[in-house]
Amino acid sequence: MNNENLRSLADRPADERRSIASMGGIASGEARRERKALREAFEIALNCPVTVKGTEMSAVDAVALATVEAAMNGDMRAVTILRDTCDGKPSEHIITEPTISEETRREIDRILFELDEED
């Protein structure tokens, strides 16, 4: 990449920034419409009837059955999918406790609030 050719948006004139933002908005709208069309196509396909092992069911039911069978055969990815779908995905948030010493807290307070040492 040639860094000499890169220019920040802040360095560009207002009309050029507007033009670039407009192109981005148009591209974003196109991408959103494509994702919506794909989602609708999947919803239609998943509701279509299929026959599995002589039983007619929806494609959603067939996928669920195949996932359960895969999990029962030891596929750990299928087990994870079932767990996350049925029980909800486990929380991935890390909760931390502040590790600031009392001395550091007093120093911060002194700086922020311009307290004297004897306060």
PDB file of N, CA and C in Angstrom:
ATOM      1  N   MET A   1       0.852  -1.170   0.000  1.00  0.00           N
ATOM      2  CA  MET A   1       0.000   0.000   0.000  1.00  0.00           C
ATOM      3  C   MET A   1       0.897   1.232   0.000  1.00  0.00           C
ATOM      4  N   ASN A   2       0.502   2.217  -0.734  1.00  0.00           N
ATOM      5  CA  ASN A   2       1.272   3.439  -0.830  1.00  0.00           C
ATOM      6  C   ASN A   2       0.633   4.495   0.070  1.00  0.00           C
ATOM      7  N   ASN A   3       1.250   4.735   1.238  1.00  0.00           N
ATOM      8  CA  ASN A   3       0.674   5.660   2.213  1.00  0.00           C
ATOM      9  C   ASN A   3       0.636   7.096   1.714  1.00  0.00           C
ATOM     10  N   GLU A   4       1.430   7.422   0.716  1.00  0.00           N
ATOM     11  CA  GLU A   4       1.429   8.785   0.193  1.00  0.00           C
ATOM     12  C   GLU A   4       0.115   9.111  -0.521  1.00  0.00           C
ATOM     13  N   ASN A   5      -0.586   8.082  -0.989  1.00  0.00           N
ATOM     14  CA  ASN A   5      -1.838   8.301  -1.716  1.00  0.00           C
ATOM     15  C   ASN A   5      -3.049   8.368  -0.782  1.00  0.00           C
ATOM     16  N   LEU A   6      -2.844   8.035   0.494  1.00  0.00           N
ATOM     17  CA  LEU A   6      -3.956   8.038   1.443  1.00  0.00           C
ATOM     18  C   LEU A   6      -4.182   9.449   1.967  1.00  0.00           C
ATOM     19  N   ARG A   7      -5.464   9.852   1.953  1.00  0.00           N
ATOM     20  CA  ARG A   7      -5.823  11.170   2.482  1.00  0.00           C
ATOM     21  C   ARG A   7      -6.983  11.003   3.453  1.00  0.00           C
ATOM     22  N   SER A   8      -6.875  11.624   4.583  1.00  0.00           N
ATOM     23  CA  SER A   8      -7.939  11.587   5.570  1.00  0.00           C
ATOM     24  C   SER A   8      -9.158  12.333   5.041  1.00  0.00           C
ATOM     25  N   LEU A   9     -10.328  11.919   5.472  1.00  0.00           N
ATOM     26  CA  LEU A   9     -11.549  12.647   5.091  1.00  0.00           C
ATOM     27  C   LEU A   9     -11.509  14.077   5.628  1.00  0.00           C
ATOM     28  N   ALA A  10     -10.859  14.248   6.768  1.00  0.00           N
ATOM     29  CA  ALA A  10     -10.781  15.587   7.357  1.00  0.00           C
ATOM     30  C   ALA A  10      -9.990  16.536   6.465  1.00  0.00           C
ATOM     31  N   ASP A  11      -9.103  15.985   5.635  1.00  0.00           N
ATOM     32  CA  ASP A  11      -8.287  16.820   4.749  1.00  0.00           C
ATOM     33  C   ASP A  11      -8.971  17.114   3.420  1.00  0.00           C
ATOM     34  N   ARG A  12     -10.141  16.561   3.215  1.00  0.00           N
ATOM     35  CA  ARG A  12     -10.834  16.738   1.935  1.00  0.00           C
ATOM     36  C   ARG A  12     -11.845  17.875   2.031  1.00  0.00           C
ATOM     37  N   PRO A  13     -12.180  18.486   0.907  1.00  0.00           N
ATOM     38  CA  PRO A  13     -13.202  19.551   0.913  1.00  0.00           C
ATOM     39  C   PRO A  13     -14.574  18.976   1.288  1.00  0.00           C
ATOM     40  N   ALA A  14     -15.441  19.834   1.785  1.00  0.00           N
ATOM     41  CA  ALA A  14     -16.766  19.419   2.260  1.00  0.00           C
ATOM     42  C   ALA A  14     -17.582  18.735   1.167  1.00  0.00           C
ATOM     43  N   ASP A  15     -17.536  19.238  -0.076  1.00  0.00           N
ATOM     44  CA  ASP A  15     -18.331  18.618  -1.143  1.00  0.00           C
ATOM     45  C   ASP A  15     -17.811  17.223  -1.473  1.00  0.00           C
ATOM     46  N   GLU A  16     -16.508  17.008  -1.381  1.00  0.00           N
ATOM     47  CA  GLU A  16     -15.941  15.678  -1.642  1.00  0.00           C
ATOM     48  C   GLU A  16     -16.322  14.716  -0.510  1.00  0.00           C
ATOM     49  N   ARG A  17     -16.294  15.185   0.751  1.00  0.00           N
ATOM     50  CA  ARG A  17     -16.705  14.349   1.890  1.00  0.00           C
ATOM     51  C   ARG A  17     -18.165  13.942   1.741  1.00  0.00           C
ATOM     52  N   ARG A  18     -19.014  14.914   1.321  1.00  0.00           N
ATOM     53  CA  ARG A  18     -20.438  14.630   1.114  1.00  0.00           C
ATOM     54  C   ARG A  18     -20.622  13.574   0.034  1.00  0.00           C
ATOM     55  N   SER A  19     -19.874  13.683  -1.049  1.00  0.00           N
ATOM     56  CA  SER A  19     -19.968  12.732  -2.153  1.00  0.00           C
ATOM     57  C   SER A  19     -19.553  11.329  -1.704  1.00  0.00           C
ATOM     58  N   ILE A  20     -18.473  11.248  -0.942  1.00  0.00           N
ATOM     59  CA  ILE A  20     -18.008   9.950  -0.446  1.00  0.00           C
ATOM     60  C   ILE A  20     -19.036   9.347   0.510  1.00  0.00           C
ATOM     61  N   ALA A  21     -19.585  10.170   1.398  1.00  0.00           N
ATOM     62  CA  ALA A  21     -20.605   9.689   2.338  1.00  0.00           C
ATOM     63  C   ALA A  21     -21.850   9.224   1.601  1.00  0.00           C
ATOM     64  N   SER A  22     -22.225   9.929   0.545  1.00  0.00           N
ATOM     65  CA  SER A  22     -23.389   9.549  -0.252  1.00  0.00           C
ATOM     66  C   SER A  22     -23.172   8.196  -0.915  1.00  0.00           C
ATOM     67  N   MET A  23     -21.979   7.985  -1.478  1.00  0.00           N
ATOM     68  CA  MET A  23     -21.678   6.691  -2.110  1.00  0.00           C
ATOM     69  C   MET A  23     -21.728   5.576  -1.076  1.00  0.00           C
ATOM     70  N   GLY A  24     -21.232   5.856   0.139  1.00  0.00           N
ATOM     71  CA  GLY A  24     -21.284   4.858   1.203  1.00  0.00           C
ATOM     72  C   GLY A  24     -22.707   4.529   1.599  1.00  0.00           C
ATOM     73  N   GLY A  25     -23.563   5.532   1.664  1.00  0.00           N
ATOM     74  CA  GLY A  25     -24.967   5.312   2.007  1.00  0.00           C
ATOM     75  C   GLY A  25     -25.684   4.489   0.957  1.00  0.00           C
ATOM     76  N   ILE A  26     -25.391   4.764  -0.310  1.00  0.00           N
ATOM     77  CA  ILE A  26     -26.005   4.000  -1.407  1.00  0.00           C
ATOM     78  C   ILE A  26     -25.561   2.542  -1.340  1.00  0.00           C
ATOM     79  N   ALA A  27     -24.252   2.308  -1.134  1.00  0.00           N
ATOM     80  CA  ALA A  27     -23.729   0.945  -1.045  1.00  0.00           C
ATOM     81  C   ALA A  27     -24.312   0.211   0.158  1.00  0.00           C
ATOM     82  N   SER A  28     -24.479   0.931   1.277  1.00  0.00           N
ATOM     83  CA  SER A  28     -25.058   0.327   2.476  1.00  0.00           C
ATOM     84  C   SER A  28     -26.499  -0.106   2.221  1.00  0.00           C
ATOM     85  N   GLY A  29     -27.261   0.732   1.533  1.00  0.00           N
ATOM     86  CA  GLY A  29     -28.646   0.386   1.204  1.00  0.00           C
ATOM     87  C   GLY A  29     -28.735  -0.831   0.304  1.00  0.00           C
ATOM     88  N   GLU A  30     -27.843  -0.912  -0.686  1.00  0.00           N
ATOM     89  CA  GLU A  30     -27.817  -2.075  -1.580  1.00  0.00           C
ATOM     90  C   GLU A  30     -27.500  -3.346  -0.800  1.00  0.00           C
ATOM     91  N   ALA A  31     -26.507  -3.286   0.076  1.00  0.00           N
ATOM     92  CA  ALA A  31     -26.129  -4.452   0.868  1.00  0.00           C
ATOM     93  C   ALA A  31     -27.278  -4.884   1.777  1.00  0.00           C
ATOM     94  N   ARG A  32     -27.970  -3.913   2.378  1.00  0.00           N
ATOM     95  CA  ARG A  32     -29.110  -4.218   3.244  1.00  0.00           C
ATOM     96  C   ARG A  32     -30.223  -4.913   2.457  1.00  0.00           C
ATOM     97  N   ARG A  33     -30.506  -4.414   1.252  1.00  0.00           N
ATOM     98  CA  ARG A  33     -31.545  -5.037   0.416  1.00  0.00           C
ATOM     99  C   ARG A  33     -31.154  -6.458   0.010  1.00  0.00           C
ATOM    100  N   GLU A  34     -29.862  -6.676  -0.300  1.00  0.00           N
ATOM    101  CA  GLU A  34     -29.400  -8.021  -0.671  1.00  0.00           C
ATOM    102  C   GLU A  34     -29.536  -8.983   0.506  1.00  0.00           C
ATOM    103  N   ARG A  35     -29.157  -8.545   1.716  1.00  0.00           N
ATOM    104  CA  ARG A  35     -29.285  -9.399   2.903  1.00  0.00           C
ATOM    105  C   ARG A  35     -30.747  -9.728   3.169  1.00  0.00           C
ATOM    106  N   LYS A  36     -31.638  -8.746   2.986  1.00  0.00           N
ATOM    107  CA  LYS A  36     -33.068  -8.980   3.207  1.00  0.00           C
ATOM    108  C   LYS A  36     -33.601  -9.994   2.202  1.00  0.00           C
ATOM    109  N   ALA A  37     -33.211  -9.865   0.942  1.00  0.00           N
ATOM    110  CA  ALA A  37     -33.674 -10.801  -0.084  1.00  0.00           C
ATOM    111  C   ALA A  37     -33.178 -12.218   0.215  1.00  0.00           C
ATOM    112  N   LEU A  38     -31.936 -12.338   0.656  1.00  0.00           N
ATOM    113  CA  LEU A  38     -31.388 -13.654   0.989  1.00  0.00           C
ATOM    114  C   LEU A  38     -32.111 -14.247   2.190  1.00  0.00           C
ATOM    115  N   ARG A  39     -32.372 -13.417   3.213  1.00  0.00           N
ATOM    116  CA  ARG A  39     -33.085 -13.887   4.399  1.00  0.00           C
ATOM    117  C   ARG A  39     -34.483 -14.381   4.017  1.00  0.00           C
ATOM    118  N   GLU A  40     -35.181 -13.625   3.160  1.00  0.00           N
ATOM    119  CA  GLU A  40     -36.521 -14.037   2.728  1.00  0.00           C
ATOM    120  C   GLU A  40     -36.470 -15.336   1.926  1.00  0.00           C
ATOM    121  N   ALA A  41     -35.453 -15.498   1.086  1.00  0.00           N
ATOM    122  CA  ALA A  41     -35.309 -16.735   0.309  1.00  0.00           C
ATOM    123  C   ALA A  41     -35.077 -17.922   1.237  1.00  0.00           C
ATOM    124  N   PHE A  42     -34.257 -17.732   2.268  1.00  0.00           N
ATOM    125  CA  PHE A  42     -34.020 -18.809   3.235  1.00  0.00           C
ATOM    126  C   PHE A  42     -35.299 -19.158   3.985  1.00  0.00           C
ATOM    127  N   GLU A  43     -36.065 -18.142   4.374  1.00  0.00           N
ATOM    128  CA  GLU A  43     -37.313 -18.411   5.091  1.00  0.00           C
ATOM    129  C   GLU A  43     -38.268 -19.223   4.240  1.00  0.00           C
ATOM    130  N   ILE A  44     -38.360 -18.894   2.952  1.00  0.00           N
ATOM    131  CA  ILE A  44     -39.227 -19.654   2.036  1.00  0.00           C
ATOM    132  C   ILE A  44     -38.716 -21.088   1.905  1.00  0.00           C
ATOM    133  N   ALA A  45     -37.404 -21.239   1.685  1.00  0.00           N
ATOM    134  CA  ALA A  45     -36.822 -22.575   1.504  1.00  0.00           C
ATOM    135  C   ALA A  45     -36.982 -23.425   2.755  1.00  0.00           C
ATOM    136  N   LEU A  46     -36.812 -22.828   3.921  1.00  0.00           N
ATOM    137  CA  LEU A  46     -36.909 -23.592   5.161  1.00  0.00           C
ATOM    138  C   LEU A  46     -38.340 -24.007   5.482  1.00  0.00           C
ATOM    139  N   ASN A  47     -39.324 -23.348   4.898  1.00  0.00           N
ATOM    140  CA  ASN A  47     -40.712 -23.718   5.129  1.00  0.00           C
ATOM    141  C   ASN A  47     -41.250 -24.688   4.084  1.00  0.00           C
ATOM    142  N   CYS A  48     -40.436 -25.000   3.081  1.00  0.00           N
ATOM    143  CA  CYS A  48     -40.857 -25.957   2.057  1.00  0.00           C
ATOM    144  C   CYS A  48     -40.920 -27.365   2.646  1.00  0.00           C
ATOM    145  N   PRO A  49     -41.886 -28.159   2.198  1.00  0.00           N
ATOM    146  CA  PRO A  49     -41.963 -29.531   2.696  1.00  0.00           C
ATOM    147  C   PRO A  49     -40.878 -30.407   2.071  1.00  0.00           C
ATOM    148  N   VAL A  50     -40.304 -31.288   2.888  1.00  0.00           N
ATOM    149  CA  VAL A  50     -39.315 -32.262   2.422  1.00  0.00           C
ATOM    150  C   VAL A  50     -39.685 -33.614   3.009  1.00  0.00           C
ATOM    151  N   THR A  51     -39.198 -34.665   2.394  1.00  0.00           N
ATOM    152  CA  THR A  51     -39.445 -36.003   2.906  1.00  0.00           C
ATOM    153  C   THR A  51     -38.124 -36.574   3.405  1.00  0.00           C
ATOM    154  N   VAL A  52     -38.114 -36.950   4.677  1.00  0.00           N
ATOM    155  CA  VAL A  52     -36.920 -37.524   5.298  1.00  0.00           C
ATOM    156  C   VAL A  52     -37.317 -38.841   5.927  1.00  0.00           C
ATOM    157  N   LYS A  53     -36.662 -39.911   5.479  1.00  0.00           N
ATOM    158  CA  LYS A  53     -36.929 -41.253   6.013  1.00  0.00           C
ATOM    159  C   LYS A  53     -38.414 -41.585   5.924  1.00  0.00           C
ATOM    160  N   GLY A  54     -39.027 -41.215   4.823  1.00  0.00           N
ATOM    161  CA  GLY A  54     -40.423 -41.529   4.577  1.00  0.00           C
ATOM    162  C   GLY A  54     -41.422 -40.636   5.290  1.00  0.00           C
ATOM    163  N   THR A  55     -40.948 -39.615   5.980  1.00  0.00           N
ATOM    164  CA  THR A  55     -41.834 -38.722   6.719  1.00  0.00           C
ATOM    165  C   THR A  55     -41.753 -37.336   6.111  1.00  0.00           C
ATOM    166  N   GLU A  56     -42.918 -36.736   5.833  1.00  0.00           N
ATOM    167  CA  GLU A  56     -42.926 -35.378   5.301  1.00  0.00           C
ATOM    168  C   GLU A  56     -42.856 -34.388   6.455  1.00  0.00           C
ATOM    169  N   MET A  57     -41.964 -33.418   6.314  1.00  0.00           N
ATOM    170  CA  MET A  57     -41.786 -32.388   7.338  1.00  0.00           C
ATOM    171  C   MET A  57     -41.246 -31.133   6.673  1.00  0.00           C
ATOM    172  N   SER A  58     -41.170 -30.043   7.415  1.00  0.00           N
ATOM    173  CA  SER A  58     -40.590 -28.816   6.855  1.00  0.00           C
ATOM    174  C   SER A  58     -39.068 -28.962   6.840  1.00  0.00           C
ATOM    175  N   ALA A  59     -38.432 -28.141   6.031  1.00  0.00           N
ATOM    176  CA  ALA A  59     -36.975 -28.173   5.970  1.00  0.00           C
ATOM    177  C   ALA A  59     -36.372 -27.791   7.323  1.00  0.00           C
ATOM    178  N   VAL A  60     -37.034 -26.907   8.066  1.00  0.00           N
ATOM    179  CA  VAL A  60     -36.552 -26.538   9.404  1.00  0.00           C
ATOM    180  C   VAL A  60     -36.528 -27.761  10.305  1.00  0.00           C
ATOM    181  N   ASP A  61     -37.599 -28.550  10.265  1.00  0.00           N
ATOM    182  CA  ASP A  61     -37.650 -29.767  11.076  1.00  0.00           C
ATOM    183  C   ASP A  61     -36.576 -30.759  10.638  1.00  0.00           C
ATOM    184  N   ALA A  62     -36.327 -30.840   9.345  1.00  0.00           N
ATOM    185  CA  ALA A  62     -35.301 -31.750   8.839  1.00  0.00           C
ATOM    186  C   ALA A  62     -33.908 -31.327   9.303  1.00  0.00           C
ATOM    187  N   VAL A  63     -33.657 -30.043   9.289  1.00  0.00           N
ATOM    188  CA  VAL A  63     -32.366 -29.534   9.768  1.00  0.00           C
ATOM    189  C   VAL A  63     -32.222 -29.813  11.262  1.00  0.00           C
ATOM    190  N   ALA A  64     -33.280 -29.585  12.020  1.00  0.00           N
ATOM    191  CA  ALA A  64     -33.236 -29.849  13.458  1.00  0.00           C
ATOM    192  C   ALA A  64     -32.971 -31.332  13.724  1.00  0.00           C
ATOM    193  N   LEU A  65     -33.641 -32.198  12.985  1.00  0.00           N
ATOM    194  CA  LEU A  65     -33.444 -33.635  13.137  1.00  0.00           C
ATOM    195  C   LEU A  65     -32.007 -34.029  12.805  1.00  0.00           C
ATOM    196  N   ALA A  66     -31.481 -33.490  11.722  1.00  0.00           N
ATOM    197  CA  ALA A  66     -30.105 -33.811  11.324  1.00  0.00           C
ATOM    198  C   ALA A  66     -29.110 -33.318  12.380  1.00  0.00           C
ATOM    199  N   THR A  67     -29.384 -32.161  12.978  1.00  0.00           N
ATOM    200  CA  THR A  67     -28.499 -31.624  14.012  1.00  0.00           C
ATOM    201  C   THR A  67     -28.517 -32.516  15.252  1.00  0.00           C
ATOM    202  N   VAL A  68     -29.693 -32.955  15.646  1.00  0.00           N
ATOM    203  CA  VAL A  68     -29.812 -33.847  16.807  1.00  0.00           C
ATOM    204  C   VAL A  68     -29.099 -35.168  16.520  1.00  0.00           C
ATOM    205  N   GLU A  69     -29.292 -35.721  15.329  1.00  0.00           N
ATOM    206  CA  GLU A  69     -28.619 -36.980  14.973  1.00  0.00           C
ATOM    207  C   GLU A  69     -27.102 -36.810  14.979  1.00  0.00           C
ATOM    208  N   ALA A  70     -26.615 -35.697  14.455  1.00  0.00           N
ATOM    209  CA  ALA A  70     -25.173 -35.450  14.446  1.00  0.00           C
ATOM    210  C   ALA A  70     -24.643 -35.344  15.877  1.00  0.00           C
ATOM    211  N   ALA A  71     -25.372 -34.658  16.750  1.00  0.00           N
ATOM    212  CA  ALA A  71     -24.963 -34.534  18.147  1.00  0.00           C
ATOM    213  C   ALA A  71     -24.930 -35.897  18.824  1.00  0.00           C
ATOM    214  N   MET A  72     -25.927 -36.724  18.526  1.00  0.00           N
ATOM    215  CA  MET A  72     -25.972 -38.060  19.119  1.00  0.00           C
ATOM    216  C   MET A  72     -24.833 -38.947  18.620  1.00  0.00           C
ATOM    217  N   ASN A  73     -24.299 -38.634  17.452  1.00  0.00           N
ATOM    218  CA  ASN A  73     -23.175 -39.393  16.902  1.00  0.00           C
ATOM    219  C   ASN A  73     -21.827 -38.807  17.324  1.00  0.00           C
ATOM    220  N   GLY A  74     -21.848 -37.832  18.221  1.00  0.00           N
ATOM    221  CA  GLY A  74     -20.611 -37.307  18.772  1.00  0.00           C
ATOM    222  C   GLY A  74     -20.069 -36.042  18.128  1.00  0.00           C
ATOM    223  N   ASP A  75     -20.823 -35.411  17.242  1.00  0.00           N
ATOM    224  CA  ASP A  75     -20.373 -34.167  16.610  1.00  0.00           C
ATOM    225  C   ASP A  75     -20.515 -33.028  17.631  1.00  0.00           C
ATOM    226  N   MET A  76     -19.377 -32.567  18.173  1.00  0.00           N
ATOM    227  CA  MET A  76     -19.416 -31.561  19.226  1.00  0.00           C
ATOM    228  C   MET A  76     -19.904 -30.206  18.723  1.00  0.00           C
ATOM    229  N   ARG A  77     -19.693 -29.909  17.452  1.00  0.00           N
ATOM    230  CA  ARG A  77     -20.240 -28.654  16.907  1.00  0.00           C
ATOM    231  C   ARG A  77     -21.762 -28.690  16.942  1.00  0.00           C
ATOM    232  N   ALA A  78     -22.336 -29.848  16.635  1.00  0.00           N
ATOM    233  CA  ALA A  78     -23.795 -29.983  16.692  1.00  0.00           C
ATOM    234  C   ALA A  78     -24.280 -29.863  18.135  1.00  0.00           C
ATOM    235  N   VAL A  79     -23.528 -30.423  19.070  1.00  0.00           N
ATOM    236  CA  VAL A  79     -23.887 -30.302  20.488  1.00  0.00           C
ATOM    237  C   VAL A  79     -23.892 -28.829  20.893  1.00  0.00           C
ATOM    238  N   THR A  80     -22.873 -28.098  20.465  1.00  0.00           N
ATOM    239  CA  THR A  80     -22.779 -26.668  20.788  1.00  0.00           C
ATOM    240  C   THR A  80     -23.943 -25.901  20.179  1.00  0.00           C
ATOM    241  N   ILE A  81     -24.290 -26.213  18.939  1.00  0.00           N
ATOM    242  CA  ILE A  81     -25.419 -25.544  18.284  1.00  0.00           C
ATOM    243  C   ILE A  81     -26.707 -25.810  19.061  1.00  0.00           C
ATOM    244  N   LEU A  82     -26.925 -27.058  19.454  1.00  0.00           N
ATOM    245  CA  LEU A  82     -28.130 -27.390  20.219  1.00  0.00           C
ATOM    246  C   LEU A  82     -28.150 -26.663  21.561  1.00  0.00           C
ATOM    247  N   ARG A  83     -27.008 -26.671  22.263  1.00  0.00           N
ATOM    248  CA  ARG A  83     -26.946 -25.989  23.555  1.00  0.00           C
ATOM    249  C   ARG A  83     -27.253 -24.506  23.402  1.00  0.00           C
ATOM    250  N   ASP A  84     -26.606 -23.864  22.426  1.00  0.00           N
ATOM    251  CA  ASP A  84     -26.784 -22.423  22.240  1.00  0.00           C
ATOM    252  C   ASP A  84     -28.197 -22.081  21.806  1.00  0.00           C
ATOM    253  N   THR A  85     -28.818 -22.943  21.021  1.00  0.00           N
ATOM    254  CA  THR A  85     -30.159 -22.687  20.523  1.00  0.00           C
ATOM    255  C   THR A  85     -31.218 -22.950  21.585  1.00  0.00           C
ATOM    256  N   CYS A  86     -31.072 -24.047  22.321  1.00  0.00           N
ATOM    257  CA  CYS A  86     -32.097 -24.426  23.300  1.00  0.00           C
ATOM    258  C   CYS A  86     -31.940 -23.718  24.637  1.00  0.00           C
ATOM    259  N   ASP A  87     -30.725 -23.646  25.142  1.00  0.00           N
ATOM    260  CA  ASP A  87     -30.504 -23.086  26.473  1.00  0.00           C
ATOM    261  C   ASP A  87     -30.053 -21.644  26.441  1.00  0.00           C
ATOM    262  N   GLY A  88     -29.741 -21.148  25.283  1.00  0.00           N
ATOM    263  CA  GLY A  88     -29.184 -19.802  25.202  1.00  0.00           C
ATOM    264  C   GLY A  88     -27.676 -19.875  25.338  1.00  0.00           C
ATOM    265  N   LYS A  89     -27.015 -19.095  24.568  1.00  0.00           N
ATOM    266  CA  LYS A  89     -25.552 -19.107  24.583  1.00  0.00           C
ATOM    267  C   LYS A  89     -25.054 -18.597  25.929  1.00  0.00           C
ATOM    268  N   PRO A  90     -24.066 -19.275  26.518  1.00  0.00           N
ATOM    269  CA  PRO A  90     -23.534 -18.818  27.804  1.00  0.00           C
ATOM    270  C   PRO A  90     -22.932 -17.415  27.688  1.00  0.00           C
ATOM    271  N   SER A  91     -22.993 -16.696  28.772  1.00  0.00           N
ATOM    272  CA  SER A  91     -22.462 -15.335  28.794  1.00  0.00           C
ATOM    273  C   SER A  91     -20.960 -15.342  28.588  1.00  0.00           C
ATOM    274  N   GLU A  92     -20.478 -14.390  27.800  1.00  0.00           N
ATOM    275  CA  GLU A  92     -19.050 -14.274  27.561  1.00  0.00           C
ATOM    276  C   GLU A  92     -18.500 -12.987  28.147  1.00  0.00           C
ATOM    277  N   HIS A  93     -19.270 -12.360  29.029  1.00  0.00           N
ATOM    278  CA  HIS A  93     -18.838 -11.107  29.637  1.00  0.00           C
ATOM    279  C   HIS A  93     -17.869 -11.400  30.774  1.00  0.00           C
ATOM    280  N   ILE A  94     -16.830 -10.628  30.847  1.00  0.00           N
ATOM    281  CA  ILE A  94     -15.868 -10.752  31.930  1.00  0.00           C
ATOM    282  C   ILE A  94     -16.101  -9.591  32.882  1.00  0.00           C
ATOM    283  N   ILE A  95     -16.383  -9.922  34.109  1.00  0.00           N
ATOM    284  CA  ILE A  95     -16.627  -8.900  35.115  1.00  0.00           C
ATOM    285  C   ILE A  95     -15.354  -8.747  35.928  1.00  0.00           C
ATOM    286  N   THR A  96     -14.864  -7.540  35.990  1.00  0.00           N
ATOM    287  CA  THR A  96     -13.634  -7.302  36.739  1.00  0.00           C
ATOM    288  C   THR A  96     -13.909  -6.350  37.886  1.00  0.00           C
ATOM    289  N   GLU A  97     -13.183  -6.541  38.938  1.00  0.00           N
ATOM    290  CA  GLU A  97     -13.268  -5.658  40.086  1.00  0.00           C
ATOM    291  C   GLU A  97     -12.146  -4.632  39.965  1.00  0.00           C
ATOM    292  N   PRO A  98     -12.384  -3.419  40.385  1.00  0.00           N
ATOM    293  CA  PRO A  98     -11.313  -2.434  40.325  1.00  0.00           C
ATOM    294  C   PRO A  98     -10.157  -2.865  41.218  1.00  0.00           C
ATOM    295  N   THR A  99      -8.950  -2.664  40.723  1.00  0.00           N
ATOM    296  CA  THR A  99      -7.770  -3.065  41.485  1.00  0.00           C
ATOM    297  C   THR A  99      -6.919  -1.846  41.834  1.00  0.00           C
ATOM    298  N   ILE A 100      -7.566  -0.764  42.130  1.00  0.00           N
ATOM    299  CA  ILE A 100      -6.852   0.469  42.438  1.00  0.00           C
ATOM    300  C   ILE A 100      -6.651   0.545  43.951  1.00  0.00           C
ATOM    301  N   SER A 101      -5.453   0.890  44.355  1.00  0.00           N
ATOM    302  CA  SER A 101      -5.163   0.980  45.784  1.00  0.00           C
ATOM    303  C   SER A 101      -5.777   2.248  46.355  1.00  0.00           C
ATOM    304  N   GLU A 102      -5.949   2.244  47.662  1.00  0.00           N
ATOM    305  CA  GLU A 102      -6.503   3.420  48.343  1.00  0.00           C
ATOM    306  C   GLU A 102      -5.585   4.622  48.170  1.00  0.00           C
ATOM    307  N   GLU A 103      -4.280   4.385  48.188  1.00  0.00           N
ATOM    308  CA  GLU A 103      -3.309   5.463  48.008  1.00  0.00           C
ATOM    309  C   GLU A 103      -3.436   6.080  46.613  1.00  0.00           C
ATOM    310  N   THR A 104      -3.597   5.231  45.585  1.00  0.00           N
ATOM    311  CA  THR A 104      -3.752   5.728  44.218  1.00  0.00           C
ATOM    312  C   THR A 104      -5.063   6.481  44.069  1.00  0.00           C
ATOM    313  N   ARG A 105      -6.122   5.967  44.693  1.00  0.00           N
ATOM    314  CA  ARG A 105      -7.417   6.641  44.638  1.00  0.00           C
ATOM    315  C   ARG A 105      -7.327   8.039  45.249  1.00  0.00           C
ATOM    316  N   ARG A 106      -6.634   8.162  46.405  1.00  0.00           N
ATOM    317  CA  ARG A 106      -6.465   9.474  47.038  1.00  0.00           C
ATOM    318  C   ARG A 106      -5.667  10.414  46.139  1.00  0.00           C
ATOM    319  N   GLU A 107      -4.636   9.886  45.473  1.00  0.00           N
ATOM    320  CA  GLU A 107      -3.826  10.711  44.582  1.00  0.00           C
ATOM    321  C   GLU A 107      -4.659  11.206  43.400  1.00  0.00           C
ATOM    322  N   ILE A 108      -5.506  10.340  42.857  1.00  0.00           N
ATOM    323  CA  ILE A 108      -6.393  10.729  41.746  1.00  0.00           C
ATOM    324  C   ILE A 108      -7.369  11.799  42.217  1.00  0.00           C
ATOM    325  N   ASP A 109      -7.966  11.583  43.388  1.00  0.00           N
ATOM    326  CA  ASP A 109      -8.887  12.579  43.940  1.00  0.00           C
ATOM    327  C   ASP A 109      -8.183  13.913  44.137  1.00  0.00           C
ATOM    328  N   ARG A 110      -6.950  13.868  44.642  1.00  0.00           N
ATOM    329  CA  ARG A 110      -6.187  15.097  44.888  1.00  0.00           C
ATOM    330  C   ARG A 110      -5.977  15.845  43.573  1.00  0.00           C
ATOM    331  N   ILE A 111      -5.622  15.106  42.524  1.00  0.00           N
ATOM    332  CA  ILE A 111      -5.376  15.741  41.225  1.00  0.00           C
ATOM    333  C   ILE A 111      -6.666  16.269  40.623  1.00  0.00           C
ATOM    334  N   LEU A 112      -7.718  15.450  40.640  1.00  0.00           N
ATOM    335  CA  LEU A 112      -8.981  15.851  40.023  1.00  0.00           C
ATOM    336  C   LEU A 112      -9.662  16.993  40.755  1.00  0.00           C
ATOM    337  N   PHE A 113      -9.628  16.930  42.066  1.00  0.00           N
ATOM    338  CA  PHE A 113     -10.376  17.899  42.849  1.00  0.00           C
ATOM    339  C   PHE A 113      -9.471  18.932  43.504  1.00  0.00           C
ATOM    340  N   GLU A 114      -8.191  18.899  43.152  1.00  0.00           N
ATOM    341  CA  GLU A 114      -7.199  19.850  43.650  1.00  0.00           C
ATOM    342  C   GLU A 114      -7.260  19.971  45.162  1.00  0.00           C
ATOM    343  N   LEU A 115      -7.251  18.796  45.807  1.00  0.00           N
ATOM    344  CA  LEU A 115      -7.292  18.749  47.270  1.00  0.00           C
ATOM    345  C   LEU A 115      -5.901  18.937  47.835  1.00  0.00           C
ATOM    346  N   ASP A 116      -5.836  19.507  49.021  1.00  0.00           N
ATOM    347  CA  ASP A 116      -4.553  19.625  49.720  1.00  0.00           C
ATOM    348  C   ASP A 116      -4.240  18.277  50.337  1.00  0.00           C
ATOM    349  N   GLU A 117      -2.967  18.059  50.687  1.00  0.00           N
ATOM    350  CA  GLU A 117      -2.532  16.799  51.261  1.00  0.00           C
ATOM    351  C   GLU A 117      -3.267  16.476  52.562  1.00  0.00           C
ATOM    352  N   GLU A 118      -3.572  17.493  53.397  1.00  0.00           N
ATOM    353  CA  GLU A 118      -4.218  17.207  54.680  1.00  0.00           C
ATOM    354  C   GLU A 118      -5.697  16.932  54.541  1.00  0.00           C
ATOM    355  N   ASP A 119      -6.326  17.139  53.371  1.00  0.00           N
ATOM    356  CA  ASP A 119      -7.759  16.871  53.187  1.00  0.00           C
ATOM    357  C   ASP A 119      -7.993  15.436  53.185  1.00  0.00           C
TER     358      ASP A 119
END
